[in-house]
């Protein structure tokens, strides 16, 4: 029996912006074509507007961020989450 696909909304893969080290260059907003980010005019930094638009496994915005202000879950964290979700499907 094949397992059903895990709904995207259950997979916690999306960026976190560390606003205290962000240089406000907007590279992440300009780079990401999936509308994950939005510019917060009031506070002068990007925010994660649509986290589930982020492609699972993609961390390219973190790689291009010159301030290294964007982080993602680790591979081990993601494996544990997926394993737990898969286990819940078989119960």
C-alpha atoms as a PDB file:
ATOM      1  CA  UNK A   1       0.000   0.000   0.000  1.00  0.00           C
ATOM      2  CA  UNK A   2       1.428   3.368  -1.033  1.00  0.00           C
ATOM      3  CA  UNK A   3       1.445   6.212   1.430  1.00  0.00           C
ATOM      4  CA  UNK A   4      -0.570   9.297   0.591  1.00  0.00           C
ATOM      5  CA  UNK A   5       1.396  12.461  -0.156  1.00  0.00           C
ATOM      6  CA  UNK A   6       1.996  14.681   2.860  1.00  0.00           C
ATOM      7  CA  UNK A   7       0.043  17.942   2.503  1.00  0.00           C
ATOM      8  CA  UNK A   8       2.399  20.899   2.029  1.00  0.00           C
ATOM      9  CA  UNK A   9       0.851  22.745   4.975  1.00  0.00           C
ATOM     10  CA  UNK A  10       2.062  20.000   7.314  1.00  0.00           C
ATOM     11  CA  UNK A  11       5.705  20.291   6.246  1.00  0.00           C
ATOM     12  CA  UNK A  12       7.450  23.050   8.230  1.00  0.00           C
ATOM     13  CA  UNK A  13       9.944  23.968   5.501  1.00  0.00           C
ATOM     14  CA  UNK A  14      10.152  27.724   5.074  1.00  0.00           C
ATOM     15  CA  UNK A  15      12.650  30.471   5.816  1.00  0.00           C
ATOM     16  CA  UNK A  16      13.096  32.384   9.029  1.00  0.00           C
ATOM     17  CA  UNK A  17      14.497  35.904   8.730  1.00  0.00           C
ATOM     18  CA  UNK A  18      16.787  37.026  11.531  1.00  0.00           C
ATOM     19  CA  UNK A  19      15.836  40.686  11.378  1.00  0.00           C
ATOM     20  CA  UNK A  20      18.540  41.733  13.819  1.00  0.00           C
ATOM     21  CA  UNK A  21      21.265  40.882  11.290  1.00  0.00           C
ATOM     22  CA  UNK A  22      19.345  41.589   8.060  1.00  0.00           C
ATOM     23  CA  UNK A  23      20.967  44.370   6.017  1.00  0.00           C
ATOM     24  CA  UNK A  24      17.690  45.234   4.252  1.00  0.00           C
ATOM     25  CA  UNK A  25      19.140  44.719   0.760  1.00  0.00           C
ATOM     26  CA  UNK A  26      15.966  42.905  -0.381  1.00  0.00           C
ATOM     27  CA  UNK A  27      17.950  40.222  -2.220  1.00  0.00           C
ATOM     28  CA  UNK A  28      15.593  37.541  -0.900  1.00  0.00           C
ATOM     29  CA  UNK A  29      12.530  39.366  -2.180  1.00  0.00           C
ATOM     30  CA  UNK A  30      14.101  40.005  -5.575  1.00  0.00           C
ATOM     31  CA  UNK A  31      15.316  36.411  -5.844  1.00  0.00           C
ATOM     32  CA  UNK A  32      12.293  34.375  -4.723  1.00  0.00           C
ATOM     33  CA  UNK A  33       9.717  34.047  -7.499  1.00  0.00           C
ATOM     34  CA  UNK A  34       7.303  32.093  -5.274  1.00  0.00           C
ATOM     35  CA  UNK A  35       6.043  35.140  -3.358  1.00  0.00           C
ATOM     36  CA  UNK A  36       7.315  33.806  -0.031  1.00  0.00           C
ATOM     37  CA  UNK A  37       8.588  37.188   1.180  1.00  0.00           C
ATOM     38  CA  UNK A  38       7.058  40.624   1.582  1.00  0.00           C
ATOM     39  CA  UNK A  39       8.758  43.884   2.502  1.00  0.00           C
ATOM     40  CA  UNK A  40       7.748  45.302   5.887  1.00  0.00           C
ATOM     41  CA  UNK A  41       7.864  49.052   5.225  1.00  0.00           C
ATOM     42  CA  UNK A  42       7.286  49.991   8.844  1.00  0.00           C
ATOM     43  CA  UNK A  43      10.203  47.961  10.180  1.00  0.00           C
ATOM     44  CA  UNK A  44      12.452  47.994   7.096  1.00  0.00           C
ATOM     45  CA  UNK A  45      13.020  44.285   6.605  1.00  0.00           C
ATOM     46  CA  UNK A  46      11.526  41.288   4.791  1.00  0.00           C
ATOM     47  CA  UNK A  47       8.931  39.071   6.398  1.00  0.00           C
ATOM     48  CA  UNK A  48       7.807  35.577   5.447  1.00  0.00           C
ATOM     49  CA  UNK A  49       4.364  36.307   4.026  1.00  0.00           C
ATOM     50  CA  UNK A  50       3.517  32.976   2.371  1.00  0.00           C
ATOM     51  CA  UNK A  51       5.602  30.280   4.076  1.00  0.00           C
ATOM     52  CA  UNK A  52       3.941  27.355   2.302  1.00  0.00           C
ATOM     53  CA  UNK A  53       4.792  28.814  -1.111  1.00  0.00           C
ATOM     54  CA  UNK A  54       8.389  27.852  -0.331  1.00  0.00           C
ATOM     55  CA  UNK A  55       9.537  24.779  -2.250  1.00  0.00           C
ATOM     56  CA  UNK A  56      10.417  21.992   0.179  1.00  0.00           C
ATOM     57  CA  UNK A  57      14.171  21.524   0.142  1.00  0.00           C
ATOM     58  CA  UNK A  58      14.949  24.865  -1.505  1.00  0.00           C
ATOM     59  CA  UNK A  59      17.202  27.121   0.539  1.00  0.00           C
ATOM     60  CA  UNK A  60      18.560  29.281  -2.277  1.00  0.00           C
ATOM     61  CA  UNK A  61      17.459  32.554  -0.641  1.00  0.00           C
ATOM     62  CA  UNK A  62      19.589  31.697   2.405  1.00  0.00           C
ATOM     63  CA  UNK A  63      22.525  30.972   0.141  1.00  0.00           C
ATOM     64  CA  UNK A  64      22.298  34.328  -1.647  1.00  0.00           C
ATOM     65  CA  UNK A  65      21.720  36.404   1.513  1.00  0.00           C
ATOM     66  CA  UNK A  66      24.959  38.373   2.046  1.00  0.00           C
ATOM     67  CA  UNK A  67      24.209  38.834   5.764  1.00  0.00           C
ATOM     68  CA  UNK A  68      23.342  35.147   6.301  1.00  0.00           C
ATOM     69  CA  UNK A  69      20.119  36.336   7.934  1.00  0.00           C
ATOM     70  CA  UNK A  70      17.917  33.560   6.537  1.00  0.00           C
ATOM     71  CA  UNK A  71      17.757  30.100   8.078  1.00  0.00           C
ATOM     72  CA  UNK A  72      15.870  26.876   7.448  1.00  0.00           C
ATOM     73  CA  UNK A  73      15.300  23.719   9.485  1.00  0.00           C
ATOM     74  CA  UNK A  74      18.180  21.274   9.384  1.00  0.00           C
ATOM     75  CA  UNK A  75      17.987  18.108   7.298  1.00  0.00           C
ATOM     76  CA  UNK A  76      17.818  16.064  10.508  1.00  0.00           C
ATOM     77  CA  UNK A  77      14.867  18.114  11.755  1.00  0.00           C
ATOM     78  CA  UNK A  78      13.079  17.633   8.441  1.00  0.00           C
ATOM     79  CA  UNK A  79      13.740  13.891   8.395  1.00  0.00           C
ATOM     80  CA  UNK A  80      12.270  13.594  11.895  1.00  0.00           C
ATOM     81  CA  UNK A  81       9.150  15.564  10.908  1.00  0.00           C
ATOM     82  CA  UNK A  82       8.578  13.534   7.744  1.00  0.00           C
ATOM     83  CA  UNK A  83       9.157  10.282   9.622  1.00  0.00           C
ATOM     84  CA  UNK A  84       6.573  11.280  12.241  1.00  0.00           C
ATOM     85  CA  UNK A  85       4.059  12.320   9.572  1.00  0.00           C
ATOM     86  CA  UNK A  86       4.566   9.029   7.717  1.00  0.00           C
ATOM     87  CA  UNK A  87       4.087   7.056  10.933  1.00  0.00           C
ATOM     88  CA  UNK A  88       0.819   8.854  11.618  1.00  0.00           C
ATOM     89  CA  UNK A  89      -0.401   7.805   8.142  1.00  0.00           C
ATOM     90  CA  UNK A  90       0.110   4.137   8.896  1.00  0.00           C
ATOM     91  CA  UNK A  91      -1.785   4.160  12.186  1.00  0.00           C
END
